[in-house]
């Protein structure tokens, strides 16, 4: 297990977001990225969560809507990683996975693509 305080972990998440391809992030609309310590149930199994309505399910979506959220959980990531490089890789994978949900790609397809 590696140790990163909340501020250092958030900097890693921002850094990994900046490294994502432009064509992946340019289409993100009305979405915020949030870092939390753990999921509400306190488990260490869930690394991230997309909380919103996928683009493929949006009918009339526009002004006044609360932003969708992608949540990255710090403690589960730290529990699964032993080095900063592993942590960066896992954060990257989590971001890609959750962004894919925004675009309407489900877990089954992500598994086929190697992102689950």
PDB file of N, CA and C in Angstrom:
ATOM      1  N   UNK A   1       0.843  -1.185   0.000  1.00  0.00           N
ATOM      2  CA  UNK A   1       0.000   0.000   0.000  1.00  0.00           C
ATOM      3  C   UNK A   1       0.883   1.241   0.000  1.00  0.00           C
ATOM      4  N   UNK A   2       0.521   2.192  -0.826  1.00  0.00           N
ATOM      5  CA  UNK A   2       1.253   3.445  -0.931  1.00  0.00           C
ATOM      6  C   UNK A   2       0.492   4.512  -0.147  1.00  0.00           C
ATOM      7  N   UNK A   3       1.187   5.564   0.286  1.00  0.00           N
ATOM      8  CA  UNK A   3       0.546   6.604   1.080  1.00  0.00           C
ATOM      9  C   UNK A   3       0.640   7.951   0.369  1.00  0.00           C
ATOM     10  N   UNK A   4      -0.515   8.534   0.053  1.00  0.00           N
ATOM     11  CA  UNK A   4      -0.608   9.875  -0.518  1.00  0.00           C
ATOM     12  C   UNK A   4      -1.709  10.604   0.226  1.00  0.00           C
ATOM     13  N   UNK A   5      -1.412  11.819   0.731  1.00  0.00           N
ATOM     14  CA  UNK A   5      -2.483  12.581   1.368  1.00  0.00           C
ATOM     15  C   UNK A   5      -3.459  13.053   0.294  1.00  0.00           C
ATOM     16  N   UNK A   6      -4.576  13.612   0.724  1.00  0.00           N
ATOM     17  CA  UNK A   6      -5.645  13.994  -0.202  1.00  0.00           C
ATOM     18  C   UNK A   6      -5.165  14.996  -1.248  1.00  0.00           C
ATOM     19  N   UNK A   7      -4.374  15.954  -0.836  1.00  0.00           N
ATOM     20  CA  UNK A   7      -3.895  16.986  -1.763  1.00  0.00           C
ATOM     21  C   UNK A   7      -2.960  16.398  -2.824  1.00  0.00           C
ATOM     22  N   UNK A   8      -2.031  15.556  -2.408  1.00  0.00           N
ATOM     23  CA  UNK A   8      -1.096  14.937  -3.355  1.00  0.00           C
ATOM     24  C   UNK A   8      -1.831  14.001  -4.316  1.00  0.00           C
ATOM     25  N   UNK A   9      -2.812  13.276  -3.802  1.00  0.00           N
ATOM     26  CA  UNK A   9      -3.589  12.378  -4.652  1.00  0.00           C
ATOM     27  C   UNK A   9      -4.377  13.177  -5.686  1.00  0.00           C
ATOM     28  N   UNK A  10      -4.996  14.266  -5.255  1.00  0.00           N
ATOM     29  CA  UNK A  10      -5.759  15.095  -6.184  1.00  0.00           C
ATOM     30  C   UNK A  10      -4.859  15.659  -7.283  1.00  0.00           C
ATOM     31  N   UNK A  11      -3.626  16.023  -6.940  1.00  0.00           N
ATOM     32  CA  UNK A  11      -2.689  16.502  -7.960  1.00  0.00           C
ATOM     33  C   UNK A  11      -2.402  15.410  -8.986  1.00  0.00           C
ATOM     34  N   UNK A  12      -2.272  14.155  -8.524  1.00  0.00           N
ATOM     35  CA  UNK A  12      -2.063  13.041  -9.459  1.00  0.00           C
ATOM     36  C   UNK A  12      -3.267  12.864 -10.386  1.00  0.00           C
ATOM     37  N   UNK A  13      -4.457  12.982  -9.841  1.00  0.00           N
ATOM     38  CA  UNK A  13      -5.666  12.846 -10.655  1.00  0.00           C
ATOM     39  C   UNK A  13      -5.692  13.943 -11.725  1.00  0.00           C
ATOM     40  N   UNK A  14      -5.404  15.169 -11.336  1.00  0.00           N
ATOM     41  CA  UNK A  14      -5.380  16.284 -12.291  1.00  0.00           C
ATOM     42  C   UNK A  14      -4.316  16.047 -13.355  1.00  0.00           C
ATOM     43  N   UNK A  15      -3.156  15.578 -12.930  1.00  0.00           N
ATOM     44  CA  UNK A  15      -2.077  15.291 -13.877  1.00  0.00           C
ATOM     45  C   UNK A  15      -2.494  14.217 -14.880  1.00  0.00           C
ATOM     46  N   UNK A  16      -3.138  13.166 -14.397  1.00  0.00           N
ATOM     47  CA  UNK A  16      -3.587  12.095 -15.299  1.00  0.00           C
ATOM     48  C   UNK A  16      -4.716  12.571 -16.210  1.00  0.00           C
ATOM     49  N   UNK A  17      -5.577  13.444 -15.721  1.00  0.00           N
ATOM     50  CA  UNK A  17      -6.610  14.031 -16.578  1.00  0.00           C
ATOM     51  C   UNK A  17      -5.972  14.814 -17.716  1.00  0.00           C
ATOM     52  N   UNK A  18      -4.937  15.565 -17.394  1.00  0.00           N
ATOM     53  CA  UNK A  18      -4.235  16.362 -18.410  1.00  0.00           C
ATOM     54  C   UNK A  18      -3.556  15.486 -19.460  1.00  0.00           C
ATOM     55  N   UNK A  19      -3.238  14.258 -19.111  1.00  0.00           N
ATOM     56  CA  UNK A  19      -2.561  13.344 -20.035  1.00  0.00           C
ATOM     57  C   UNK A  19      -3.513  12.594 -20.962  1.00  0.00           C
ATOM     58  N   UNK A  20      -4.804  12.677 -20.690  1.00  0.00           N
ATOM     59  CA  UNK A  20      -5.779  11.977 -21.530  1.00  0.00           C
ATOM     60  C   UNK A  20      -5.852  12.638 -22.897  1.00  0.00           C
ATOM     61  N   UNK A  21      -6.137  11.860 -23.937  1.00  0.00           N
ATOM     62  CA  UNK A  21      -6.222  12.414 -25.291  1.00  0.00           C
ATOM     63  C   UNK A  21      -7.331  13.468 -25.402  1.00  0.00           C
ATOM     64  N   UNK A  22      -7.064  14.494 -26.182  1.00  0.00           N
ATOM     65  CA  UNK A  22      -8.037  15.575 -26.361  1.00  0.00           C
ATOM     66  C   UNK A  22      -9.375  15.061 -26.862  1.00  0.00           C
ATOM     67  N   UNK A  23      -9.361  14.090 -27.787  1.00  0.00           N
ATOM     68  CA  UNK A  23     -10.629  13.608 -28.332  1.00  0.00           C
ATOM     69  C   UNK A  23     -11.462  12.862 -27.289  1.00  0.00           C
ATOM     70  N   UNK A  24     -10.851  12.457 -26.199  1.00  0.00           N
ATOM     71  CA  UNK A  24     -11.593  11.804 -25.125  1.00  0.00           C
ATOM     72  C   UNK A  24     -12.259  12.832 -24.218  1.00  0.00           C
ATOM     73  N   UNK A  25     -11.583  13.939 -23.948  1.00  0.00           N
ATOM     74  CA  UNK A  25     -12.099  14.906 -22.986  1.00  0.00           C
ATOM     75  C   UNK A  25     -12.821  16.089 -23.624  1.00  0.00           C
ATOM     76  N   UNK A  26     -12.596  16.335 -24.903  1.00  0.00           N
ATOM     77  CA  UNK A  26     -13.238  17.482 -25.549  1.00  0.00           C
ATOM     78  C   UNK A  26     -14.757  17.371 -25.567  1.00  0.00           C
ATOM     79  N   UNK A  27     -15.285  16.172 -25.602  1.00  0.00           N
ATOM     80  CA  UNK A  27     -16.731  15.981 -25.652  1.00  0.00           C
ATOM     81  C   UNK A  27     -17.415  15.999 -24.301  1.00  0.00           C
ATOM     82  N   UNK A  28     -16.637  16.092 -23.226  1.00  0.00           N
ATOM     83  CA  UNK A  28     -17.231  16.101 -21.893  1.00  0.00           C
ATOM     84  C   UNK A  28     -17.973  17.418 -21.690  1.00  0.00           C
ATOM     85  N   UNK A  29     -19.231  17.321 -21.311  1.00  0.00           N
ATOM     86  CA  UNK A  29     -20.063  18.496 -21.153  1.00  0.00           C
ATOM     87  C   UNK A  29     -20.811  18.416 -19.830  1.00  0.00           C
ATOM     88  N   UNK A  30     -20.766  19.488 -19.074  1.00  0.00           N
ATOM     89  CA  UNK A  30     -21.485  19.592 -17.809  1.00  0.00           C
ATOM     90  C   UNK A  30     -21.118  18.435 -16.866  1.00  0.00           C
ATOM     91  N   UNK A  31     -19.820  18.286 -16.663  1.00  0.00           N
ATOM     92  CA  UNK A  31     -19.323  17.205 -15.808  1.00  0.00           C
ATOM     93  C   UNK A  31     -18.211  17.745 -14.911  1.00  0.00           C
ATOM     94  N   UNK A  32     -18.189  17.268 -13.686  1.00  0.00           N
ATOM     95  CA  UNK A  32     -17.130  17.648 -12.758  1.00  0.00           C
ATOM     96  C   UNK A  32     -16.421  16.388 -12.284  1.00  0.00           C
ATOM     97  N   UNK A  33     -15.151  16.548 -11.971  1.00  0.00           N
ATOM     98  CA  UNK A  33     -14.347  15.460 -11.416  1.00  0.00           C
ATOM     99  C   UNK A  33     -14.151  15.742  -9.935  1.00  0.00           C
ATOM    100  N   UNK A  34     -14.389  14.717  -9.116  1.00  0.00           N
ATOM    101  CA  UNK A  34     -14.342  14.863  -7.667  1.00  0.00           C
ATOM    102  C   UNK A  34     -13.460  13.758  -7.101  1.00  0.00           C
ATOM    103  N   UNK A  35     -12.653  14.094  -6.110  1.00  0.00           N
ATOM    104  CA  UNK A  35     -11.878  13.094  -5.382  1.00  0.00           C
ATOM    105  C   UNK A  35     -12.486  12.960  -3.993  1.00  0.00           C
ATOM    106  N   UNK A  36     -12.808  11.736  -3.612  1.00  0.00           N
ATOM    107  CA  UNK A  36     -13.308  11.444  -2.274  1.00  0.00           C
ATOM    108  C   UNK A  36     -12.460  10.329  -1.683  1.00  0.00           C
ATOM    109  N   UNK A  37     -12.445  10.238  -0.355  1.00  0.00           N
ATOM    110  CA  UNK A  37     -11.633   9.212   0.296  1.00  0.00           C
ATOM    111  C   UNK A  37     -12.136   7.807   0.008  1.00  0.00           C
ATOM    112  N   UNK A  38     -13.438   7.578   0.221  1.00  0.00           N
ATOM    113  CA  UNK A  38     -14.030   6.246   0.046  1.00  0.00           C
ATOM    114  C   UNK A  38     -15.458   6.371  -0.444  1.00  0.00           C
ATOM    115  N   UNK A  39     -15.979   5.291  -1.021  1.00  0.00           N
ATOM    116  CA  UNK A  39     -17.416   5.270  -1.339  1.00  0.00           C
ATOM    117  C   UNK A  39     -18.238   5.365  -0.047  1.00  0.00           C
ATOM    118  N   UNK A  40     -19.495   5.726  -0.188  1.00  0.00           N
ATOM    119  CA  UNK A  40     -20.371   5.896   0.976  1.00  0.00           C
ATOM    120  C   UNK A  40     -20.447   4.659   1.851  1.00  0.00           C
ATOM    121  N   UNK A  41     -20.346   3.468   1.251  1.00  0.00           N
ATOM    122  CA  UNK A  41     -20.442   2.240   2.045  1.00  0.00           C
ATOM    123  C   UNK A  41     -19.133   1.906   2.766  1.00  0.00           C
ATOM    124  N   UNK A  42     -18.094   2.715   2.550  1.00  0.00           N
ATOM    125  CA  UNK A  42     -16.827   2.523   3.243  1.00  0.00           C
ATOM    126  C   UNK A  42     -15.932   1.451   2.658  1.00  0.00           C
ATOM    127  N   UNK A  43     -16.359   0.827   1.573  1.00  0.00           N
ATOM    128  CA  UNK A  43     -15.584  -0.275   1.005  1.00  0.00           C
ATOM    129  C   UNK A  43     -14.329   0.232   0.307  1.00  0.00           C
ATOM    130  N   UNK A  44     -13.423  -0.695   0.060  1.00  0.00           N
ATOM    131  CA  UNK A  44     -12.203  -0.387  -0.690  1.00  0.00           C
ATOM    132  C   UNK A  44     -12.221  -1.051  -2.064  1.00  0.00           C
ATOM    133  N   UNK A  45     -13.385  -1.534  -2.481  1.00  0.00           N
ATOM    134  CA  UNK A  45     -13.497  -2.251  -3.750  1.00  0.00           C
ATOM    135  C   UNK A  45     -13.730  -1.346  -4.948  1.00  0.00           C
ATOM    136  N   UNK A  46     -14.380  -0.226  -4.738  1.00  0.00           N
ATOM    137  CA  UNK A  46     -14.761   0.656  -5.841  1.00  0.00           C
ATOM    138  C   UNK A  46     -13.722   1.764  -6.006  1.00  0.00           C
ATOM    139  N   UNK A  47     -13.145   1.850  -7.212  1.00  0.00           N
ATOM    140  CA  UNK A  47     -12.107   2.847  -7.478  1.00  0.00           C
ATOM    141  C   UNK A  47     -12.672   4.157  -7.989  1.00  0.00           C
ATOM    142  N   UNK A  48     -13.793   4.096  -8.702  1.00  0.00           N
ATOM    143  CA  UNK A  48     -14.390   5.300  -9.253  1.00  0.00           C
ATOM    144  C   UNK A  48     -15.857   5.072  -9.550  1.00  0.00           C
ATOM    145  N   UNK A  49     -16.543   6.187  -9.836  1.00  0.00           N
ATOM    146  CA  UNK A  49     -17.970   6.108 -10.097  1.00  0.00           C
ATOM    147  C   UNK A  49     -18.369   7.231 -11.042  1.00  0.00           C
ATOM    148  N   UNK A  50     -19.161   6.873 -12.054  1.00  0.00           N
ATOM    149  CA  UNK A  50     -19.785   7.888 -12.896  1.00  0.00           C
ATOM    150  C   UNK A  50     -21.191   8.094 -12.365  1.00  0.00           C
ATOM    151  N   UNK A  51     -21.505   9.302 -11.954  1.00  0.00           N
ATOM    152  CA  UNK A  51     -22.803   9.642 -11.390  1.00  0.00           C
ATOM    153  C   UNK A  51     -23.469  10.637 -12.333  1.00  0.00           C
ATOM    154  N   UNK A  52     -24.304  10.116 -13.227  1.00  0.00           N
ATOM    155  CA  UNK A  52     -24.961  10.995 -14.183  1.00  0.00           C
ATOM    156  C   UNK A  52     -25.717  10.215 -15.228  1.00  0.00           C
ATOM    157  N   UNK A  53     -26.076  10.925 -16.270  1.00  0.00           N
ATOM    158  CA  UNK A  53     -26.837  10.354 -17.366  1.00  0.00           C
ATOM    159  C   UNK A  53     -25.948  10.296 -18.607  1.00  0.00           C
ATOM    160  N   UNK A  54     -25.688   9.099 -19.098  1.00  0.00           N
ATOM    161  CA  UNK A  54     -24.800   8.919 -20.256  1.00  0.00           C
ATOM    162  C   UNK A  54     -25.339   9.667 -21.472  1.00  0.00           C
ATOM    163  N   UNK A  55     -24.431  10.087 -22.324  1.00  0.00           N
ATOM    164  CA  UNK A  55     -24.822  10.799 -23.547  1.00  0.00           C
ATOM    165  C   UNK A  55     -25.833  10.016 -24.369  1.00  0.00           C
ATOM    166  N   UNK A  56     -25.683   8.703 -24.389  1.00  0.00           N
ATOM    167  CA  UNK A  56     -26.575   7.861 -25.187  1.00  0.00           C
ATOM    168  C   UNK A  56     -27.983   7.797 -24.608  1.00  0.00           C
ATOM    169  N   UNK A  57     -28.166   8.254 -23.370  1.00  0.00           N
ATOM    170  CA  UNK A  57     -29.476   8.208 -22.723  1.00  0.00           C
ATOM    171  C   UNK A  57     -30.112   9.589 -22.593  1.00  0.00           C
ATOM    172  N   UNK A  58     -29.405  10.606 -23.046  1.00  0.00           N
ATOM    173  CA  UNK A  58     -29.910  11.968 -22.886  1.00  0.00           C
ATOM    174  C   UNK A  58     -30.903  12.296 -23.993  1.00  0.00           C
ATOM    175  N   UNK A  59     -32.033  12.775 -23.564  1.00  0.00           N
ATOM    176  CA  UNK A  59     -33.066  13.188 -24.505  1.00  0.00           C
ATOM    177  C   UNK A  59     -33.031  14.700 -24.624  1.00  0.00           C
ATOM    178  N   UNK A  60     -33.507  15.341 -23.629  1.00  0.00           N
ATOM    179  CA  UNK A  60     -33.435  16.798 -23.559  1.00  0.00           C
ATOM    180  C   UNK A  60     -32.598  17.127 -22.339  1.00  0.00           C
ATOM    181  N   UNK A  61     -31.404  17.529 -22.570  1.00  0.00           N
ATOM    182  CA  UNK A  61     -30.456  17.789 -21.503  1.00  0.00           C
ATOM    183  C   UNK A  61     -29.839  19.139 -21.795  1.00  0.00           C
ATOM    184  N   UNK A  62     -29.898  20.018 -20.853  1.00  0.00           N
ATOM    185  CA  UNK A  62     -29.335  21.327 -21.170  1.00  0.00           C
ATOM    186  C   UNK A  62     -29.242  22.237 -19.978  1.00  0.00           C
ATOM    187  N   UNK A  63     -29.527  23.460 -20.216  1.00  0.00           N
ATOM    188  CA  UNK A  63     -29.351  24.516 -19.230  1.00  0.00           C
ATOM    189  C   UNK A  63     -30.068  24.181 -17.921  1.00  0.00           C
ATOM    190  N   UNK A  64     -29.410  24.483 -16.836  1.00  0.00           N
ATOM    191  CA  UNK A  64     -30.005  24.296 -15.530  1.00  0.00           C
ATOM    192  C   UNK A  64     -29.820  22.923 -14.924  1.00  0.00           C
ATOM    193  N   UNK A  65     -29.263  21.992 -15.659  1.00  0.00           N
ATOM    194  CA  UNK A  65     -29.039  20.648 -15.134  1.00  0.00           C
ATOM    195  C   UNK A  65     -27.822  20.654 -14.208  1.00  0.00           C
ATOM    196  N   UNK A  66     -27.914  19.937 -13.122  1.00  0.00           N
ATOM    197  CA  UNK A  66     -26.738  19.763 -12.275  1.00  0.00           C
ATOM    198  C   UNK A  66     -25.692  18.991 -13.064  1.00  0.00           C
ATOM    199  N   UNK A  67     -24.428  19.273 -12.825  1.00  0.00           N
ATOM    200  CA  UNK A  67     -23.404  18.539 -13.589  1.00  0.00           C
ATOM    201  C   UNK A  67     -23.337  17.075 -13.183  1.00  0.00           C
ATOM    202  N   UNK A  68     -23.016  16.232 -14.160  1.00  0.00           N
ATOM    203  CA  UNK A  68     -22.679  14.849 -13.859  1.00  0.00           C
ATOM    204  C   UNK A  68     -21.367  14.862 -13.099  1.00  0.00           C
ATOM    205  N   UNK A  69     -21.079  13.758 -12.408  1.00  0.00           N
ATOM    206  CA  UNK A  69     -19.838  13.687 -11.639  1.00  0.00           C
ATOM    207  C   UNK A  69     -19.084  12.408 -11.959  1.00  0.00           C
ATOM    208  N   UNK A  70     -17.783  12.544 -12.003  1.00  0.00           N
ATOM    209  CA  UNK A  70     -16.906  11.374 -11.983  1.00  0.00           C
ATOM    210  C   UNK A  70     -16.149  11.468 -10.677  1.00  0.00           C
ATOM    211  N   UNK A  71     -16.341  10.445  -9.863  1.00  0.00           N
ATOM    212  CA  UNK A  71     -15.717  10.414  -8.545  1.00  0.00           C
ATOM    213  C   UNK A  71     -14.559   9.418  -8.581  1.00  0.00           C
ATOM    214  N   UNK A  72     -13.410   9.842  -8.114  1.00  0.00           N
ATOM    215  CA  UNK A  72     -12.235   8.982  -7.979  1.00  0.00           C
ATOM    216  C   UNK A  72     -11.996   8.810  -6.483  1.00  0.00           C
ATOM    217  N   UNK A  73     -11.961   7.565  -6.032  1.00  0.00           N
ATOM    218  CA  UNK A  73     -11.809   7.275  -4.609  1.00  0.00           C
ATOM    219  C   UNK A  73     -10.337   7.039  -4.268  1.00  0.00           C
ATOM    220  N   UNK A  74      -9.834   7.828  -3.337  1.00  0.00           N
ATOM    221  CA  UNK A  74      -8.414   7.811  -2.980  1.00  0.00           C
ATOM    222  C   UNK A  74      -8.005   6.538  -2.239  1.00  0.00           C
ATOM    223  N   UNK A  75      -8.658   6.207  -1.149  1.00  0.00           N
ATOM    224  CA  UNK A  75      -8.212   5.086  -0.314  1.00  0.00           C
ATOM    225  C   UNK A  75      -8.232   3.741  -1.040  1.00  0.00           C
ATOM    226  N   UNK A  76      -9.260   3.423  -1.835  1.00  0.00           N
ATOM    227  CA  UNK A  76      -9.200   2.167  -2.589  1.00  0.00           C
ATOM    228  C   UNK A  76      -8.016   2.114  -3.561  1.00  0.00           C
ATOM    229  N   UNK A  77      -7.699   3.243  -4.195  1.00  0.00           N
ATOM    230  CA  UNK A  77      -6.531   3.274  -5.080  1.00  0.00           C
ATOM    231  C   UNK A  77      -5.256   3.010  -4.288  1.00  0.00           C
ATOM    232  N   UNK A  78      -5.124   3.663  -3.151  1.00  0.00           N
ATOM    233  CA  UNK A  78      -3.915   3.493  -2.341  1.00  0.00           C
ATOM    234  C   UNK A  78      -3.785   2.067  -1.829  1.00  0.00           C
ATOM    235  N   UNK A  79      -4.916   1.438  -1.508  1.00  0.00           N
ATOM    236  CA  UNK A  79      -4.896   0.069  -0.997  1.00  0.00           C
ATOM    237  C   UNK A  79      -4.439  -0.931  -2.059  1.00  0.00           C
ATOM    238  N   UNK A  80      -4.655  -0.600  -3.336  1.00  0.00           N
ATOM    239  CA  UNK A  80      -4.315  -1.536  -4.404  1.00  0.00           C
ATOM    240  C   UNK A  80      -2.945  -1.308  -5.025  1.00  0.00           C
ATOM    241  N   UNK A  81      -2.288  -0.213  -4.667  1.00  0.00           N
ATOM    242  CA  UNK A  81      -1.040   0.140  -5.347  1.00  0.00           C
ATOM    243  C   UNK A  81       0.126   0.190  -4.364  1.00  0.00           C
ATOM    244  N   UNK A  82       1.296  -0.204  -4.865  1.00  0.00           N
ATOM    245  CA  UNK A  82       2.496  -0.195  -4.031  1.00  0.00           C
ATOM    246  C   UNK A  82       3.499   0.871  -4.448  1.00  0.00           C
ATOM    247  N   UNK A  83       3.376   1.382  -5.659  1.00  0.00           N
ATOM    248  CA  UNK A  83       4.308   2.405  -6.135  1.00  0.00           C
ATOM    249  C   UNK A  83       3.523   3.554  -6.774  1.00  0.00           C
ATOM    250  N   UNK A  84       4.189   4.687  -6.926  1.00  0.00           N
ATOM    251  CA  UNK A  84       3.534   5.822  -7.574  1.00  0.00           C
ATOM    252  C   UNK A  84       3.208   5.506  -9.028  1.00  0.00           C
ATOM    253  N   UNK A  85       4.060   4.771  -9.705  1.00  0.00           N
ATOM    254  CA  UNK A  85       3.769   4.396 -11.094  1.00  0.00           C
ATOM    255  C   UNK A  85       2.511   3.536 -11.191  1.00  0.00           C
ATOM    256  N   UNK A  86       2.368   2.566 -10.291  1.00  0.00           N
ATOM    257  CA  UNK A  86       1.152   1.749 -10.265  1.00  0.00           C
ATOM    258  C   UNK A  86      -0.064   2.621  -9.990  1.00  0.00           C
ATOM    259  N   UNK A  87       0.084   3.564  -9.065  1.00  0.00           N
ATOM    260  CA  UNK A  87      -1.012   4.457  -8.710  1.00  0.00           C
ATOM    261  C   UNK A  87      -1.428   5.302  -9.910  1.00  0.00           C
ATOM    262  N   UNK A  88      -0.457   5.860 -10.606  1.00  0.00           N
ATOM    263  CA  UNK A  88      -0.766   6.659 -11.804  1.00  0.00           C
ATOM    264  C   UNK A  88      -1.495   5.811 -12.852  1.00  0.00           C
ATOM    265  N   UNK A  89      -1.013   4.594 -13.071  1.00  0.00           N
ATOM    266  CA  UNK A  89      -1.656   3.700 -14.047  1.00  0.00           C
ATOM    267  C   UNK A  89      -3.099   3.397 -13.647  1.00  0.00           C
ATOM    268  N   UNK A  90      -3.308   3.145 -12.366  1.00  0.00           N
ATOM    269  CA  UNK A  90      -4.654   2.802 -11.895  1.00  0.00           C
ATOM    270  C   UNK A  90      -5.581   4.008 -11.970  1.00  0.00           C
ATOM    271  N   UNK A  91      -5.090   5.188 -11.635  1.00  0.00           N
ATOM    272  CA  UNK A  91      -5.896   6.409 -11.769  1.00  0.00           C
ATOM    273  C   UNK A  91      -6.258   6.625 -13.234  1.00  0.00           C
ATOM    274  N   UNK A  92      -5.296   6.449 -14.118  1.00  0.00           N
ATOM    275  CA  UNK A  92      -5.533   6.607 -15.559  1.00  0.00           C
ATOM    276  C   UNK A  92      -6.636   5.653 -16.027  1.00  0.00           C
ATOM    277  N   UNK A  93      -6.513   4.396 -15.646  1.00  0.00           N
ATOM    278  CA  UNK A  93      -7.509   3.394 -16.030  1.00  0.00           C
ATOM    279  C   UNK A  93      -8.888   3.753 -15.478  1.00  0.00           C
ATOM    280  N   UNK A  94      -8.937   4.209 -14.234  1.00  0.00           N
ATOM    281  CA  UNK A  94     -10.212   4.595 -13.622  1.00  0.00           C
ATOM    282  C   UNK A  94     -10.837   5.762 -14.368  1.00  0.00           C
ATOM    283  N   UNK A  95     -10.042   6.763 -14.705  1.00  0.00           N
ATOM    284  CA  UNK A  95     -10.570   7.913 -15.444  1.00  0.00           C
ATOM    285  C   UNK A  95     -11.121   7.501 -16.802  1.00  0.00           C
ATOM    286  N   UNK A  96     -10.368   6.691 -17.531  1.00  0.00           N
ATOM    287  CA  UNK A  96     -10.829   6.226 -18.843  1.00  0.00           C
ATOM    288  C   UNK A  96     -12.133   5.437 -18.686  1.00  0.00           C
ATOM    289  N   UNK A  97     -12.184   4.563 -17.699  1.00  0.00           N
ATOM    290  CA  UNK A  97     -13.359   3.728 -17.445  1.00  0.00           C
ATOM    291  C   UNK A  97     -14.590   4.592 -17.171  1.00  0.00           C
ATOM    292  N   UNK A  98     -14.452   5.559 -16.277  1.00  0.00           N
ATOM    293  CA  UNK A  98     -15.607   6.377 -15.899  1.00  0.00           C
ATOM    294  C   UNK A  98     -16.007   7.340 -17.019  1.00  0.00           C
ATOM    295  N   UNK A  99     -15.052   7.879 -17.741  1.00  0.00           N
ATOM    296  CA  UNK A  99     -15.368   8.728 -18.892  1.00  0.00           C
ATOM    297  C   UNK A  99     -16.106   7.910 -19.951  1.00  0.00           C
ATOM    298  N   UNK A 100     -15.719   6.659 -20.112  1.00  0.00           N
ATOM    299  CA  UNK A 100     -16.407   5.785 -21.068  1.00  0.00           C
ATOM    300  C   UNK A 100     -17.882   5.638 -20.690  1.00  0.00           C
ATOM    301  N   UNK A 101     -18.175   5.548 -19.403  1.00  0.00           N
ATOM    302  CA  UNK A 101     -19.576   5.477 -18.965  1.00  0.00           C
ATOM    303  C   UNK A 101     -20.319   6.755 -19.361  1.00  0.00           C
ATOM    304  N   UNK A 102     -19.677   7.899 -19.277  1.00  0.00           N
ATOM    305  CA  UNK A 102     -20.285   9.157 -19.722  1.00  0.00           C
ATOM    306  C   UNK A 102     -20.708   9.048 -21.188  1.00  0.00           C
ATOM    307  N   UNK A 103     -19.864   8.409 -21.993  1.00  0.00           N
ATOM    308  CA  UNK A 103     -20.160   8.255 -23.415  1.00  0.00           C
ATOM    309  C   UNK A 103     -21.109   7.091 -23.711  1.00  0.00           C
ATOM    310  N   UNK A 104     -21.537   6.363 -22.672  1.00  0.00           N
ATOM    311  CA  UNK A 104     -22.510   5.302 -22.853  1.00  0.00           C
ATOM    312  C   UNK A 104     -21.931   3.921 -23.056  1.00  0.00           C
ATOM    313  N   UNK A 105     -20.651   3.751 -22.778  1.00  0.00           N
ATOM    314  CA  UNK A 105     -20.010   2.441 -22.928  1.00  0.00           C
ATOM    315  C   UNK A 105     -20.180   1.677 -21.612  1.00  0.00           C
ATOM    316  N   UNK A 106     -20.751   0.484 -21.680  1.00  0.00           N
ATOM    317  CA  UNK A 106     -21.032  -0.273 -20.461  1.00  0.00           C
ATOM    318  C   UNK A 106     -19.838  -1.124 -20.024  1.00  0.00           C
ATOM    319  N   UNK A 107     -19.953  -1.699 -18.827  1.00  0.00           N
ATOM    320  CA  UNK A 107     -18.861  -2.487 -18.244  1.00  0.00           C
ATOM    321  C   UNK A 107     -18.474  -3.682 -19.108  1.00  0.00           C
ATOM    322  N   UNK A 108     -19.456  -4.323 -19.730  1.00  0.00           N
ATOM    323  CA  UNK A 108     -19.156  -5.485 -20.570  1.00  0.00           C
ATOM    324  C   UNK A 108     -18.230  -5.092 -21.728  1.00  0.00           C
ATOM    325  N   UNK A 109     -18.558  -4.004 -22.388  1.00  0.00           N
ATOM    326  CA  UNK A 109     -17.727  -3.539 -23.515  1.00  0.00           C
ATOM    327  C   UNK A 109     -16.369  -3.064 -23.015  1.00  0.00           C
ATOM    328  N   UNK A 110     -16.333  -2.399 -21.873  1.00  0.00           N
ATOM    329  CA  UNK A 110     -15.057  -1.966 -21.307  1.00  0.00           C
ATOM    330  C   UNK A 110     -14.170  -3.163 -20.987  1.00  0.00           C
ATOM    331  N   UNK A 111     -14.784  -4.235 -20.492  1.00  0.00           N
ATOM    332  CA  UNK A 111     -14.022  -5.453 -20.226  1.00  0.00           C
ATOM    333  C   UNK A 111     -13.419  -6.013 -21.515  1.00  0.00           C
ATOM    334  N   UNK A 112     -14.219  -6.025 -22.580  1.00  0.00           N
ATOM    335  CA  UNK A 112     -13.721  -6.509 -23.877  1.00  0.00           C
ATOM    336  C   UNK A 112     -12.553  -5.673 -24.364  1.00  0.00           C
ATOM    337  N   UNK A 113     -12.590  -4.376 -24.068  1.00  0.00           N
ATOM    338  CA  UNK A 113     -11.538  -3.455 -24.517  1.00  0.00           C
ATOM    339  C   UNK A 113     -10.334  -3.419 -23.573  1.00  0.00           C
ATOM    340  N   UNK A 114     -10.449  -4.113 -22.418  1.00  0.00           N
ATOM    341  CA  UNK A 114      -9.354  -4.136 -21.455  1.00  0.00           C
ATOM    342  C   UNK A 114      -9.330  -2.976 -20.490  1.00  0.00           C
ATOM    343  N   UNK A 115     -10.459  -2.277 -20.319  1.00  0.00           N
ATOM    344  CA  UNK A 115     -10.524  -1.125 -19.418  1.00  0.00           C
ATOM    345  C   UNK A 115     -11.416  -1.381 -18.212  1.00  0.00           C
ATOM    346  N   UNK A 116     -11.701  -2.611 -17.906  1.00  0.00           N
ATOM    347  CA  UNK A 116     -12.554  -2.917 -16.754  1.00  0.00           C
ATOM    348  C   UNK A 116     -11.805  -3.740 -15.736  1.00  0.00           C
TER     349      UNK A 116
END
